[in-house]
Amino acid sequence: MHYRIVEPTDPDAARVLRDTLAWLGNDREMQRDRERLEKVCCAPQLPVNIQSAPRPISLVAAEA
């Protein structure tokens, strides 16, 4: 299952979402978590416990 964030049509709600995403993007702990996720997801050889898990569509398309 894959999720996507859609910016709300309400300007105030959209601003809150943008500000929150910017805050998370600048958070060092969140950056480390994302780096670890990318390292595992993009690795040529996946760890044994997730080798049979479905890969994100963007990665599958990039590999084709």
N, C-alpha and C. Protein backbone atom coordinates (compact mmCIF):
# COMPACT_ATOMS: atom_id res chain seq x y z
N MET A 1 0.85 -1.16 0.00
CA MET A 1 0.00 0.00 0.00
C MET A 1 0.90 1.24 0.00
N HIS A 2 0.55 2.20 -0.80
CA HIS A 2 1.33 3.42 -0.91
C HIS A 2 0.43 4.61 -0.64
N TYR A 3 0.97 5.60 0.02
CA TYR A 3 0.22 6.81 0.34
C TYR A 3 0.90 8.01 -0.30
N ARG A 4 0.12 9.04 -0.51
CA ARG A 4 0.64 10.27 -1.08
C ARG A 4 -0.01 11.43 -0.31
N ILE A 5 0.75 12.48 -0.11
CA ILE A 5 0.21 13.67 0.55
C ILE A 5 -0.29 14.62 -0.52
N VAL A 6 -1.53 15.04 -0.37
CA VAL A 6 -2.13 16.00 -1.30
C VAL A 6 -2.32 17.30 -0.54
N GLU A 7 -1.84 18.38 -1.13
CA GLU A 7 -1.97 19.67 -0.47
C GLU A 7 -3.45 20.06 -0.39
N PRO A 8 -3.91 20.45 0.79
CA PRO A 8 -5.32 20.84 0.94
C PRO A 8 -5.64 22.08 0.11
N THR A 9 -6.90 22.22 -0.27
CA THR A 9 -7.32 23.39 -1.04
C THR A 9 -7.45 24.63 -0.14
N ASP A 10 -7.71 24.41 1.14
CA ASP A 10 -7.81 25.53 2.08
C ASP A 10 -6.42 26.14 2.27
N PRO A 11 -6.27 27.43 2.03
CA PRO A 11 -4.94 28.06 2.11
C PRO A 11 -4.28 27.93 3.48
N ASP A 12 -5.06 28.04 4.56
CA ASP A 12 -4.48 27.93 5.90
C ASP A 12 -3.99 26.51 6.17
N ALA A 13 -4.80 25.52 5.79
CA ALA A 13 -4.41 24.13 5.97
C ALA A 13 -3.18 23.80 5.11
N ALA A 14 -3.14 24.33 3.89
CA ALA A 14 -2.00 24.10 3.01
C ALA A 14 -0.72 24.69 3.61
N ARG A 15 -0.84 25.87 4.22
CA ARG A 15 0.32 26.51 4.85
C ARG A 15 0.82 25.67 6.03
N VAL A 16 -0.12 25.14 6.83
CA VAL A 16 0.28 24.29 7.96
C VAL A 16 1.02 23.06 7.45
N LEU A 17 0.50 22.43 6.39
CA LEU A 17 1.17 21.25 5.83
C LEU A 17 2.56 21.60 5.31
N ARG A 18 2.67 22.67 4.54
CA ARG A 18 3.98 23.08 4.01
C ARG A 18 4.97 23.39 5.13
N ASP A 19 4.50 24.10 6.16
CA ASP A 19 5.38 24.44 7.28
C ASP A 19 5.82 23.19 8.03
N THR A 20 4.90 22.25 8.21
CA THR A 20 5.23 21.00 8.90
C THR A 20 6.24 20.20 8.10
N LEU A 21 6.04 20.09 6.80
CA LEU A 21 6.99 19.35 5.96
C LEU A 21 8.36 20.03 5.95
N ALA A 22 8.38 21.35 5.94
CA ALA A 22 9.65 22.08 5.99
C ALA A 22 10.35 21.83 7.32
N TRP A 23 9.58 21.85 8.41
CA TRP A 23 10.14 21.60 9.73
C TRP A 23 10.73 20.19 9.80
N LEU A 24 9.98 19.20 9.30
CA LEU A 24 10.48 17.83 9.30
C LEU A 24 11.72 17.69 8.43
N GLY A 25 11.74 18.40 7.30
CA GLY A 25 12.89 18.35 6.41
C GLY A 25 14.15 18.92 7.03
N ASN A 26 14.00 19.81 7.99
CA ASN A 26 15.15 20.41 8.65
C ASN A 26 15.52 19.71 9.95
N ASP A 27 14.74 18.73 10.36
CA ASP A 27 14.99 18.01 11.60
C ASP A 27 16.07 16.95 11.37
N ARG A 28 17.18 17.06 12.11
CA ARG A 28 18.33 16.16 11.88
C ARG A 28 17.99 14.70 12.12
N GLU A 29 17.19 14.40 13.13
CA GLU A 29 16.80 13.01 13.39
C GLU A 29 15.97 12.45 12.23
N MET A 30 15.07 13.27 11.72
CA MET A 30 14.25 12.84 10.58
C MET A 30 15.13 12.63 9.35
N GLN A 31 16.12 13.47 9.15
CA GLN A 31 17.03 13.31 8.02
C GLN A 31 17.80 12.00 8.13
N ARG A 32 18.25 11.66 9.34
CA ARG A 32 18.96 10.38 9.54
C ARG A 32 18.03 9.20 9.26
N ASP A 33 16.78 9.29 9.71
CA ASP A 33 15.82 8.21 9.45
C ASP A 33 15.61 8.03 7.95
N ARG A 34 15.47 9.15 7.24
CA ARG A 34 15.26 9.07 5.79
C ARG A 34 16.49 8.48 5.09
N GLU A 35 17.68 8.88 5.52
CA GLU A 35 18.90 8.34 4.93
C GLU A 35 18.98 6.83 5.13
N ARG A 36 18.62 6.36 6.33
CA ARG A 36 18.63 4.91 6.58
C ARG A 36 17.60 4.20 5.72
N LEU A 37 16.42 4.79 5.58
CA LEU A 37 15.38 4.20 4.74
C LEU A 37 15.84 4.10 3.29
N GLU A 38 16.41 5.18 2.76
CA GLU A 38 16.89 5.17 1.38
C GLU A 38 18.02 4.16 1.19
N LYS A 39 18.87 4.04 2.19
CA LYS A 39 19.99 3.10 2.10
C LYS A 39 19.48 1.67 1.98
N VAL A 40 18.43 1.34 2.73
CA VAL A 40 17.87 -0.01 2.68
C VAL A 40 17.04 -0.21 1.41
N CYS A 41 16.20 0.75 1.09
CA CYS A 41 15.32 0.61 -0.08
C CYS A 41 16.08 0.58 -1.40
N CYS A 42 17.18 1.29 -1.47
CA CYS A 42 17.92 1.40 -2.73
C CYS A 42 19.14 0.48 -2.78
N ALA A 43 19.31 -0.36 -1.78
CA ALA A 43 20.46 -1.25 -1.74
C ALA A 43 20.36 -2.30 -2.84
N PRO A 44 21.49 -2.68 -3.45
CA PRO A 44 21.46 -3.72 -4.49
C PRO A 44 20.99 -5.07 -3.92
N GLN A 45 21.33 -5.34 -2.67
CA GLN A 45 20.92 -6.59 -2.02
C GLN A 45 20.14 -6.21 -0.75
N LEU A 46 18.84 -6.51 -0.74
CA LEU A 46 18.02 -6.17 0.41
C LEU A 46 18.32 -7.09 1.59
N PRO A 47 18.12 -6.57 2.81
CA PRO A 47 18.26 -7.45 3.96
C PRO A 47 17.30 -8.65 3.83
N VAL A 48 17.70 -9.79 4.35
CA VAL A 48 16.94 -11.03 4.17
C VAL A 48 15.49 -10.88 4.62
N ASN A 49 15.24 -10.20 5.74
CA ASN A 49 13.88 -10.13 6.27
C ASN A 49 12.93 -9.28 5.43
N ILE A 50 13.41 -8.51 4.45
CA ILE A 50 12.49 -7.74 3.60
C ILE A 50 12.67 -8.05 2.11
N GLN A 51 13.41 -9.08 1.76
CA GLN A 51 13.65 -9.38 0.35
C GLN A 51 12.35 -9.66 -0.41
N SER A 52 11.35 -10.24 0.24
CA SER A 52 10.11 -10.57 -0.46
C SER A 52 9.07 -9.47 -0.37
N ALA A 53 9.39 -8.36 0.29
CA ALA A 53 8.43 -7.26 0.41
C ALA A 53 8.30 -6.53 -0.93
N PRO A 54 7.11 -6.00 -1.22
CA PRO A 54 6.94 -5.25 -2.48
C PRO A 54 7.77 -3.98 -2.47
N ARG A 55 8.33 -3.65 -3.61
CA ARG A 55 9.14 -2.44 -3.74
C ARG A 55 8.26 -1.29 -4.20
N PRO A 56 8.57 -0.04 -3.78
CA PRO A 56 7.79 1.11 -4.24
C PRO A 56 7.79 1.20 -5.76
N ILE A 57 6.69 1.64 -6.32
CA ILE A 57 6.52 1.72 -7.78
C ILE A 57 7.61 2.57 -8.41
N SER A 58 8.01 3.66 -7.77
CA SER A 58 9.05 4.52 -8.36
C SER A 58 10.36 3.79 -8.51
N LEU A 59 10.69 2.91 -7.56
CA LEU A 59 11.93 2.14 -7.67
C LEU A 59 11.81 1.05 -8.71
N VAL A 60 10.65 0.42 -8.81
CA VAL A 60 10.43 -0.62 -9.81
C VAL A 60 10.56 -0.03 -11.20
N ALA A 61 9.98 1.15 -11.41
CA ALA A 61 10.05 1.81 -12.72
C ALA A 61 11.49 2.21 -13.05
N ALA A 62 12.23 2.65 -12.05
CA ALA A 62 13.61 3.08 -12.27
C ALA A 62 14.51 1.91 -12.65
N GLU A 63 14.17 0.71 -12.14
CA GLU A 63 14.98 -0.47 -12.41
C GLU A 63 14.72 -1.04 -13.80
N ALA A 64 13.56 -0.70 -14.38
CA ALA A 64 13.16 -1.25 -15.69
C ALA A 64 13.93 -0.65 -16.84
